[in-house]
Structure formats: structure tokens, C-alpha cells
Amino acid sequence: MRGISLRSGNPIGWLGFPAIQGANLCFFTGTVSAYGEASHAYFVDGVAINGVSGGPAFTADDGGPRIIGLVSAYVPNRATGETLPGLGIVRDVTHFHELIGQLKSVDEAKAKEAPPTEPPQAATQEPEVKSAAKYAT
């Protein structure tokens, strides 16, 4: 993982507009349970109800809060058939920290964009069709 290194047990917070209070920005907290290397996601012991998806998740250190990811899901535990507390999924976005740090302005970023490529030209000639009579026996 690049950027911020969080371990199991580290506290994080996130913001969102839950469906039950859609007009009010709400603050949530939880604890990192694990990091999935393959999925580039934190598994978080904390609630992420409908409407919170897409909200920023962050940690705080001496430098202040730093965004570590975006809330993407809440997976309830239904192992016994009933709905039990589950895990929140926070998609890691720390790989953007380095990229953003390299940009000084939007204009500079636009100037560094690769020009759009032209699609390949379609063939304008009809394929050659051989006479069937030539191959008749």
C-alpha cells in the first residue's frame, strides 16, 4: 500500500448523507479490521448505511485529516440466517496522493494530457470476390 499505512485496529472516520437523514451530513467512526491487498480495500468494523456510499473516509495524524478511501459498501453478516453486524468496505484511494502532489494546477495537468488518437480508418475497397466458375470441376 502506498501513501498512508493503516493497520488492523487503527481508527478511521467517514462522512455521508444517510438515507434516514438525507439533508444532514453525518460523521461515523470505526476501526480497520483488515486490508485486502487484492481488492485494495479496507474492511472496517463500523456502520455504513444507505446513502453513505461514496463519502470520504479519513484518518487523522499530526498533519490533520487525510483521505484514505471512499465508502463503497456495507456487508452484513448473514451466516446464521439473520442479519448481524457486518463490515464496511472502504476503497483505498491513497495511490492518488502521489499523483495529486505532482500536479501544480489544472492547467498544467491539461497540458500534460496525451492528445486524442484518431481511430483507424475503415477499409474503403470492397474485398476481392473470386468467381465460383474458376473453381468449378
N, C-alpha and C. Protein backbone atom coordinates (compact mmCIF):
# COMPACT_ATOMS: atom_id res chain seq x y z
N MET A 1 0.84 -1.17 0.00
CA MET A 1 0.00 0.00 0.00
C MET A 1 0.89 1.23 0.00
N ARG A 2 0.56 2.19 -0.82
CA ARG A 2 1.32 3.43 -0.89
C ARG A 2 0.67 4.49 -0.01
N GLY A 3 1.40 5.54 0.27
CA GLY A 3 0.81 6.67 0.99
C GLY A 3 0.72 6.39 2.48
N ILE A 4 -0.46 6.22 2.96
CA ILE A 4 -0.72 6.04 4.38
C ILE A 4 -0.75 4.55 4.69
N SER A 5 -0.12 4.16 5.77
CA SER A 5 -0.10 2.76 6.15
C SER A 5 -0.96 2.57 7.39
N LEU A 6 -2.14 2.00 7.19
CA LEU A 6 -3.03 1.72 8.32
C LEU A 6 -2.99 0.24 8.62
N ARG A 7 -3.11 -0.07 9.88
CA ARG A 7 -3.10 -1.47 10.31
C ARG A 7 -4.42 -1.80 10.98
N SER A 8 -4.63 -3.07 11.18
CA SER A 8 -5.81 -3.50 11.94
C SER A 8 -5.78 -2.83 13.29
N GLY A 9 -6.92 -2.29 13.69
CA GLY A 9 -7.02 -1.61 14.97
C GLY A 9 -6.94 -0.09 14.88
N ASN A 10 -6.50 0.44 13.73
CA ASN A 10 -6.44 1.90 13.57
C ASN A 10 -7.85 2.47 13.43
N PRO A 11 -8.13 3.56 14.12
CA PRO A 11 -9.45 4.19 13.98
C PRO A 11 -9.51 5.03 12.70
N ILE A 12 -10.67 5.07 12.07
CA ILE A 12 -10.91 5.95 10.92
C ILE A 12 -12.29 6.58 11.08
N GLY A 13 -12.53 7.61 10.32
CA GLY A 13 -13.84 8.25 10.30
C GLY A 13 -14.31 8.39 8.87
N TRP A 14 -15.59 8.63 8.68
CA TRP A 14 -16.13 8.88 7.34
C TRP A 14 -17.36 9.75 7.45
N LEU A 15 -17.68 10.39 6.34
CA LEU A 15 -18.80 11.32 6.27
C LEU A 15 -19.78 10.85 5.20
N GLY A 16 -21.04 11.17 5.40
CA GLY A 16 -22.03 10.84 4.38
C GLY A 16 -23.39 11.38 4.75
N PHE A 17 -24.28 11.23 3.80
CA PHE A 17 -25.66 11.67 3.95
C PHE A 17 -26.56 10.43 3.98
N PRO A 18 -26.71 9.80 5.14
CA PRO A 18 -27.51 8.57 5.20
C PRO A 18 -28.96 8.82 4.80
N ALA A 19 -29.56 7.82 4.21
CA ALA A 19 -30.93 7.93 3.70
C ALA A 19 -31.92 8.38 4.79
N ILE A 20 -31.67 8.02 6.04
CA ILE A 20 -32.61 8.39 7.10
C ILE A 20 -32.47 9.84 7.53
N GLN A 21 -31.37 10.49 7.15
CA GLN A 21 -31.12 11.90 7.46
C GLN A 21 -30.48 12.56 6.24
N GLY A 22 -31.09 12.41 5.08
CA GLY A 22 -30.51 12.84 3.82
C GLY A 22 -30.07 14.28 3.74
N ALA A 23 -30.67 15.16 4.50
CA ALA A 23 -30.30 16.58 4.43
C ALA A 23 -29.17 16.93 5.39
N ASN A 24 -28.78 16.00 6.24
CA ASN A 24 -27.77 16.28 7.24
C ASN A 24 -26.51 15.45 7.02
N LEU A 25 -25.38 16.13 6.92
CA LEU A 25 -24.10 15.44 6.83
C LEU A 25 -23.82 14.79 8.17
N CYS A 26 -23.52 13.49 8.15
CA CYS A 26 -23.28 12.75 9.39
C CYS A 26 -21.84 12.24 9.44
N PHE A 27 -21.32 12.14 10.65
CA PHE A 27 -19.97 11.67 10.92
C PHE A 27 -20.06 10.28 11.54
N PHE A 28 -19.25 9.36 11.03
CA PHE A 28 -19.21 7.98 11.53
C PHE A 28 -17.77 7.63 11.89
N THR A 29 -17.61 6.68 12.80
CA THR A 29 -16.27 6.18 13.13
C THR A 29 -16.28 4.67 13.13
N GLY A 30 -15.11 4.10 12.97
CA GLY A 30 -14.95 2.66 13.02
C GLY A 30 -13.47 2.31 13.15
N THR A 31 -13.21 1.04 13.08
CA THR A 31 -11.86 0.53 13.25
C THR A 31 -11.49 -0.35 12.06
N VAL A 32 -10.29 -0.18 11.54
CA VAL A 32 -9.82 -1.03 10.46
C VAL A 32 -9.69 -2.46 10.99
N SER A 33 -10.38 -3.39 10.34
CA SER A 33 -10.29 -4.80 10.73
C SER A 33 -9.21 -5.50 9.92
N ALA A 34 -9.08 -5.13 8.64
CA ALA A 34 -8.09 -5.75 7.77
C ALA A 34 -7.98 -4.92 6.50
N TYR A 35 -6.94 -5.19 5.73
CA TYR A 35 -6.77 -4.57 4.42
C TYR A 35 -6.68 -5.68 3.39
N GLY A 36 -7.52 -5.62 2.37
CA GLY A 36 -7.50 -6.62 1.30
C GLY A 36 -6.58 -6.16 0.18
N GLU A 37 -5.41 -6.76 0.08
CA GLU A 37 -4.45 -6.37 -0.97
C GLU A 37 -5.05 -6.55 -2.36
N ALA A 38 -5.73 -7.65 -2.59
CA ALA A 38 -6.28 -7.92 -3.93
C ALA A 38 -7.37 -6.93 -4.30
N SER A 39 -8.17 -6.52 -3.35
CA SER A 39 -9.30 -5.62 -3.63
C SER A 39 -8.95 -4.16 -3.38
N HIS A 40 -7.77 -3.88 -2.83
CA HIS A 40 -7.36 -2.51 -2.48
C HIS A 40 -8.44 -1.83 -1.65
N ALA A 41 -8.88 -2.55 -0.61
CA ALA A 41 -9.96 -2.04 0.23
C ALA A 41 -9.69 -2.35 1.70
N TYR A 42 -10.16 -1.44 2.54
CA TYR A 42 -10.14 -1.65 3.98
C TYR A 42 -11.47 -2.31 4.36
N PHE A 43 -11.39 -3.28 5.27
CA PHE A 43 -12.58 -3.88 5.86
C PHE A 43 -12.71 -3.23 7.24
N VAL A 44 -13.82 -2.55 7.47
CA VAL A 44 -13.95 -1.69 8.63
C VAL A 44 -15.10 -2.14 9.53
N ASP A 45 -14.81 -2.24 10.82
CA ASP A 45 -15.83 -2.52 11.82
C ASP A 45 -16.51 -1.19 12.12
N GLY A 46 -17.64 -0.96 11.45
CA GLY A 46 -18.37 0.29 11.59
C GLY A 46 -19.54 0.31 10.62
N VAL A 47 -20.48 1.16 10.86
CA VAL A 47 -21.72 1.18 10.08
C VAL A 47 -21.59 2.09 8.87
N ALA A 48 -22.06 1.61 7.74
CA ALA A 48 -22.13 2.41 6.52
C ALA A 48 -23.49 2.13 5.90
N ILE A 49 -24.50 2.88 6.34
CA ILE A 49 -25.86 2.62 5.88
C ILE A 49 -26.13 3.28 4.53
N ASN A 50 -27.30 2.95 3.95
CA ASN A 50 -27.66 3.50 2.64
C ASN A 50 -27.50 5.01 2.62
N GLY A 51 -26.88 5.51 1.55
CA GLY A 51 -26.67 6.93 1.38
C GLY A 51 -25.28 7.39 1.75
N VAL A 52 -24.53 6.57 2.45
CA VAL A 52 -23.18 6.94 2.86
C VAL A 52 -22.15 6.56 1.80
N SER A 53 -22.50 5.64 0.91
CA SER A 53 -21.57 5.22 -0.13
C SER A 53 -21.08 6.40 -0.94
N GLY A 54 -19.79 6.40 -1.22
CA GLY A 54 -19.16 7.49 -1.96
C GLY A 54 -18.60 8.57 -1.07
N GLY A 55 -18.92 8.51 0.21
CA GLY A 55 -18.40 9.50 1.14
C GLY A 55 -16.93 9.27 1.44
N PRO A 56 -16.21 10.33 1.81
CA PRO A 56 -14.78 10.18 2.11
C PRO A 56 -14.54 9.51 3.45
N ALA A 57 -13.54 8.63 3.47
CA ALA A 57 -13.08 8.02 4.72
C ALA A 57 -11.69 8.58 4.99
N PHE A 58 -11.38 8.84 6.25
CA PHE A 58 -10.13 9.52 6.55
C PHE A 58 -9.56 9.05 7.88
N THR A 59 -8.30 9.35 8.06
CA THR A 59 -7.61 9.15 9.31
C THR A 59 -7.01 10.49 9.70
N ALA A 60 -6.64 10.64 10.93
CA ALA A 60 -6.03 11.89 11.38
C ALA A 60 -4.70 11.60 12.04
N ASP A 61 -3.72 12.44 11.74
CA ASP A 61 -2.42 12.35 12.40
C ASP A 61 -1.98 13.77 12.74
N ASP A 62 -0.73 13.95 13.05
CA ASP A 62 -0.25 15.28 13.43
C ASP A 62 -0.45 16.31 12.32
N GLY A 63 -0.52 15.84 11.07
CA GLY A 63 -0.71 16.74 9.95
C GLY A 63 -2.17 17.04 9.66
N GLY A 64 -3.07 16.51 10.47
CA GLY A 64 -4.51 16.71 10.26
C GLY A 64 -5.14 15.52 9.54
N PRO A 65 -6.39 15.66 9.15
CA PRO A 65 -7.08 14.55 8.49
C PRO A 65 -6.53 14.31 7.08
N ARG A 66 -6.47 13.04 6.69
CA ARG A 66 -6.03 12.65 5.35
C ARG A 66 -7.00 11.62 4.80
N ILE A 67 -7.47 11.86 3.60
CA ILE A 67 -8.42 10.93 2.97
C ILE A 67 -7.68 9.65 2.60
N ILE A 68 -8.26 8.53 3.01
CA ILE A 68 -7.67 7.22 2.71
C ILE A 68 -8.52 6.42 1.74
N GLY A 69 -9.80 6.78 1.60
CA GLY A 69 -10.64 5.99 0.73
C GLY A 69 -12.04 6.55 0.61
N LEU A 70 -12.86 5.80 -0.11
CA LEU A 70 -14.27 6.12 -0.27
C LEU A 70 -15.11 4.95 0.21
N VAL A 71 -16.14 5.25 0.97
CA VAL A 71 -17.04 4.20 1.45
C VAL A 71 -17.74 3.60 0.22
N SER A 72 -17.68 2.28 0.08
CA SER A 72 -18.29 1.69 -1.10
C SER A 72 -19.39 0.68 -0.78
N ALA A 73 -19.41 0.13 0.42
CA ALA A 73 -20.45 -0.87 0.73
C ALA A 73 -20.47 -1.18 2.21
N TYR A 74 -21.54 -1.81 2.60
CA TYR A 74 -21.64 -2.41 3.93
C TYR A 74 -22.12 -3.83 3.71
N VAL A 75 -21.39 -4.80 4.23
CA VAL A 75 -21.73 -6.19 4.02
C VAL A 75 -22.17 -6.79 5.35
N PRO A 76 -23.50 -6.99 5.52
CA PRO A 76 -23.97 -7.57 6.78
C PRO A 76 -23.58 -9.05 6.87
N ASN A 77 -23.45 -9.52 8.10
CA ASN A 77 -23.14 -10.92 8.35
C ASN A 77 -24.46 -11.69 8.41
N ARG A 78 -24.69 -12.54 7.44
CA ARG A 78 -25.92 -13.34 7.42
C ARG A 78 -25.63 -14.82 7.55
N ALA A 79 -24.52 -15.15 8.19
CA ALA A 79 -24.08 -16.54 8.30
C ALA A 79 -25.10 -17.42 9.01
N THR A 80 -25.86 -16.86 9.95
CA THR A 80 -26.82 -17.66 10.71
C THR A 80 -28.24 -17.53 10.16
N GLY A 81 -28.40 -16.78 9.08
CA GLY A 81 -29.73 -16.58 8.51
C GLY A 81 -30.35 -15.26 8.94
N GLU A 82 -29.94 -14.74 10.06
CA GLU A 82 -30.44 -13.42 10.49
C GLU A 82 -29.37 -12.38 10.19
N THR A 83 -29.76 -11.13 10.11
CA THR A 83 -28.82 -10.07 9.81
C THR A 83 -28.11 -9.64 11.07
N LEU A 84 -26.80 -9.83 11.07
CA LEU A 84 -25.95 -9.44 12.20
C LEU A 84 -25.02 -8.34 11.74
N PRO A 85 -24.35 -7.66 12.67
CA PRO A 85 -23.39 -6.64 12.23
C PRO A 85 -22.36 -7.22 11.27
N GLY A 86 -21.97 -6.41 10.31
CA GLY A 86 -21.02 -6.86 9.30
C GLY A 86 -19.82 -5.93 9.23
N LEU A 87 -19.32 -5.74 8.01
CA LEU A 87 -18.16 -4.89 7.80
C LEU A 87 -18.44 -3.83 6.74
N GLY A 88 -17.92 -2.64 6.97
CA GLY A 88 -17.94 -1.61 5.95
C GLY A 88 -16.77 -1.81 5.02
N ILE A 89 -16.94 -1.48 3.76
CA ILE A 89 -15.86 -1.59 2.78
C ILE A 89 -15.48 -0.18 2.35
N VAL A 90 -14.21 0.14 2.50
CA VAL A 90 -13.67 1.45 2.11
C VAL A 90 -12.61 1.21 1.05
N ARG A 91 -12.86 1.68 -0.17
CA ARG A 91 -11.90 1.52 -1.28
C ARG A 91 -10.75 2.49 -1.10
N ASP A 92 -9.55 1.94 -1.13
CA ASP A 92 -8.32 2.71 -0.93
C ASP A 92 -8.10 3.69 -2.09
N VAL A 93 -7.85 4.95 -1.77
CA VAL A 93 -7.53 5.95 -2.80
C VAL A 93 -6.19 6.63 -2.52
N THR A 94 -5.38 6.06 -1.64
CA THR A 94 -4.12 6.71 -1.30
C THR A 94 -3.16 6.75 -2.48
N HIS A 95 -3.36 5.91 -3.48
CA HIS A 95 -2.48 5.97 -4.66
C HIS A 95 -2.65 7.29 -5.41
N PHE A 96 -3.75 8.01 -5.18
CA PHE A 96 -3.95 9.31 -5.81
C PHE A 96 -3.14 10.42 -5.13
N HIS A 97 -2.71 10.21 -3.88
CA HIS A 97 -1.96 11.24 -3.16
C HIS A 97 -0.72 11.65 -3.92
N GLU A 98 0.06 10.67 -4.39
CA GLU A 98 1.29 10.97 -5.13
C GLU A 98 0.98 11.69 -6.44
N LEU A 99 -0.02 11.22 -7.15
CA LEU A 99 -0.40 11.84 -8.42
C LEU A 99 -0.83 13.29 -8.21
N ILE A 100 -1.67 13.53 -7.24
CA ILE A 100 -2.14 14.89 -6.98
C ILE A 100 -0.99 15.79 -6.55
N GLY A 101 -0.06 15.23 -5.78
CA GLY A 101 1.10 16.00 -5.35
C GLY A 101 1.98 16.45 -6.50
N GLN A 102 1.94 15.72 -7.61
CA GLN A 102 2.75 16.07 -8.77
C GLN A 102 2.11 17.17 -9.62
N LEU A 103 0.84 17.43 -9.41
CA LEU A 103 0.15 18.44 -10.21
C LEU A 103 0.17 19.78 -9.50
N LYS A 104 0.58 20.80 -10.21
CA LYS A 104 0.60 22.14 -9.62
C LYS A 104 -0.67 22.90 -9.92
N SER A 105 -1.32 22.56 -11.04
CA SER A 105 -2.56 23.24 -11.40
C SER A 105 -3.33 22.40 -12.40
N VAL A 106 -4.60 22.70 -12.55
CA VAL A 106 -5.42 22.00 -13.53
C VAL A 106 -4.91 22.31 -14.94
N ASP A 107 -4.48 23.54 -15.18
CA ASP A 107 -3.95 23.90 -16.49
C ASP A 107 -2.71 23.08 -16.83
N GLU A 108 -1.83 22.86 -15.84
CA GLU A 108 -0.65 22.04 -16.07
C GLU A 108 -1.04 20.61 -16.39
N ALA A 109 -2.02 20.08 -15.67
CA ALA A 109 -2.48 18.72 -15.92
C ALA A 109 -3.04 18.59 -17.34
N LYS A 110 -3.83 19.57 -17.76
CA LYS A 110 -4.39 19.57 -19.11
C LYS A 110 -3.28 19.59 -20.16
N ALA A 111 -2.23 20.38 -19.90
CA ALA A 111 -1.13 20.48 -20.85
C ALA A 111 -0.38 19.16 -20.98
N LYS A 112 -0.38 18.35 -19.92
CA LYS A 112 0.33 17.07 -19.93
C LYS A 112 -0.50 15.93 -20.52
N GLU A 113 -1.77 16.19 -20.78
CA GLU A 113 -2.64 15.15 -21.34
C GLU A 113 -2.13 14.73 -22.71
N ALA A 114 -2.24 13.46 -22.99
CA ALA A 114 -1.89 12.97 -24.32
C ALA A 114 -2.98 13.41 -25.28
N PRO A 115 -2.59 13.82 -26.49
CA PRO A 115 -3.62 14.22 -27.46
C PRO A 115 -4.48 13.00 -27.82
N PRO A 116 -5.74 13.23 -28.14
CA PRO A 116 -6.58 12.10 -28.51
C PRO A 116 -6.06 11.46 -29.79
N THR A 117 -6.19 10.16 -29.85
CA THR A 117 -5.74 9.44 -31.04
C THR A 117 -6.91 9.26 -31.99
N GLU A 118 -6.60 9.26 -33.27
CA GLU A 118 -7.62 9.06 -34.29
C GLU A 118 -7.91 7.57 -34.40
N PRO A 119 -9.18 7.21 -34.57
CA PRO A 119 -9.49 5.79 -34.76
C PRO A 119 -8.96 5.34 -36.12
N PRO A 120 -8.67 4.06 -36.28
CA PRO A 120 -8.17 3.57 -37.57
C PRO A 120 -9.21 3.80 -38.66
N GLN A 121 -8.72 4.07 -39.85
CA GLN A 121 -9.60 4.31 -40.99
C GLN A 121 -10.23 2.99 -41.43
N ALA A 122 -11.49 3.06 -41.80
CA ALA A 122 -12.20 1.88 -42.30
C ALA A 122 -11.73 1.60 -43.71
N ALA A 123 -11.69 0.34 -44.09
CA ALA A 123 -11.31 -0.05 -45.44
C ALA A 123 -12.34 0.50 -46.42
N THR A 124 -11.86 1.12 -47.49
CA THR A 124 -12.78 1.71 -48.47
C THR A 124 -12.96 0.82 -49.69
N GLN A 125 -12.08 -0.16 -49.87
CA GLN A 125 -12.20 -1.05 -51.02
C GLN A 125 -12.99 -2.29 -50.64
N GLU A 126 -13.78 -2.75 -51.57
CA GLU A 126 -14.51 -3.99 -51.36
C GLU A 126 -13.53 -5.15 -51.46
N PRO A 127 -13.69 -6.18 -50.65
CA PRO A 127 -12.80 -7.32 -50.77
C PRO A 127 -12.99 -8.00 -52.13
N GLU A 128 -11.91 -8.53 -52.65
CA GLU A 128 -11.96 -9.19 -53.96
C GLU A 128 -12.73 -10.49 -53.83
N VAL A 129 -13.73 -10.67 -54.72
CA VAL A 129 -14.53 -11.88 -54.73
C VAL A 129 -14.11 -12.68 -55.96
N LYS A 130 -13.71 -13.92 -55.75
CA LYS A 130 -13.28 -14.76 -56.85
C LYS A 130 -14.48 -15.46 -57.44
N SER A 131 -14.46 -15.62 -58.72
CA SER A 131 -15.57 -16.25 -59.43
C SER A 131 -15.64 -17.72 -59.07
N ALA A 132 -16.83 -18.18 -58.80
CA ALA A 132 -17.03 -19.58 -58.46
C ALA A 132 -16.77 -20.45 -59.68
N ALA A 133 -16.97 -19.93 -60.91
CA ALA A 133 -16.77 -20.71 -62.12
C ALA A 133 -15.33 -21.11 -62.26
N LYS A 134 -14.43 -20.33 -61.79
CA LYS A 134 -13.00 -20.63 -61.90
C LYS A 134 -12.66 -21.88 -61.13
N TYR A 135 -13.41 -22.15 -60.05
CA TYR A 135 -13.10 -23.29 -59.21
C TYR A 135 -14.00 -24.50 -59.47
N ALA A 136 -14.91 -24.39 -60.43
CA ALA A 136 -15.85 -25.49 -60.73
C ALA A 136 -15.10 -26.62 -61.41
N THR A 137 -15.51 -27.85 -61.15
CA THR A 137 -14.86 -29.01 -61.78
C THR A 137 -15.72 -29.61 -62.85
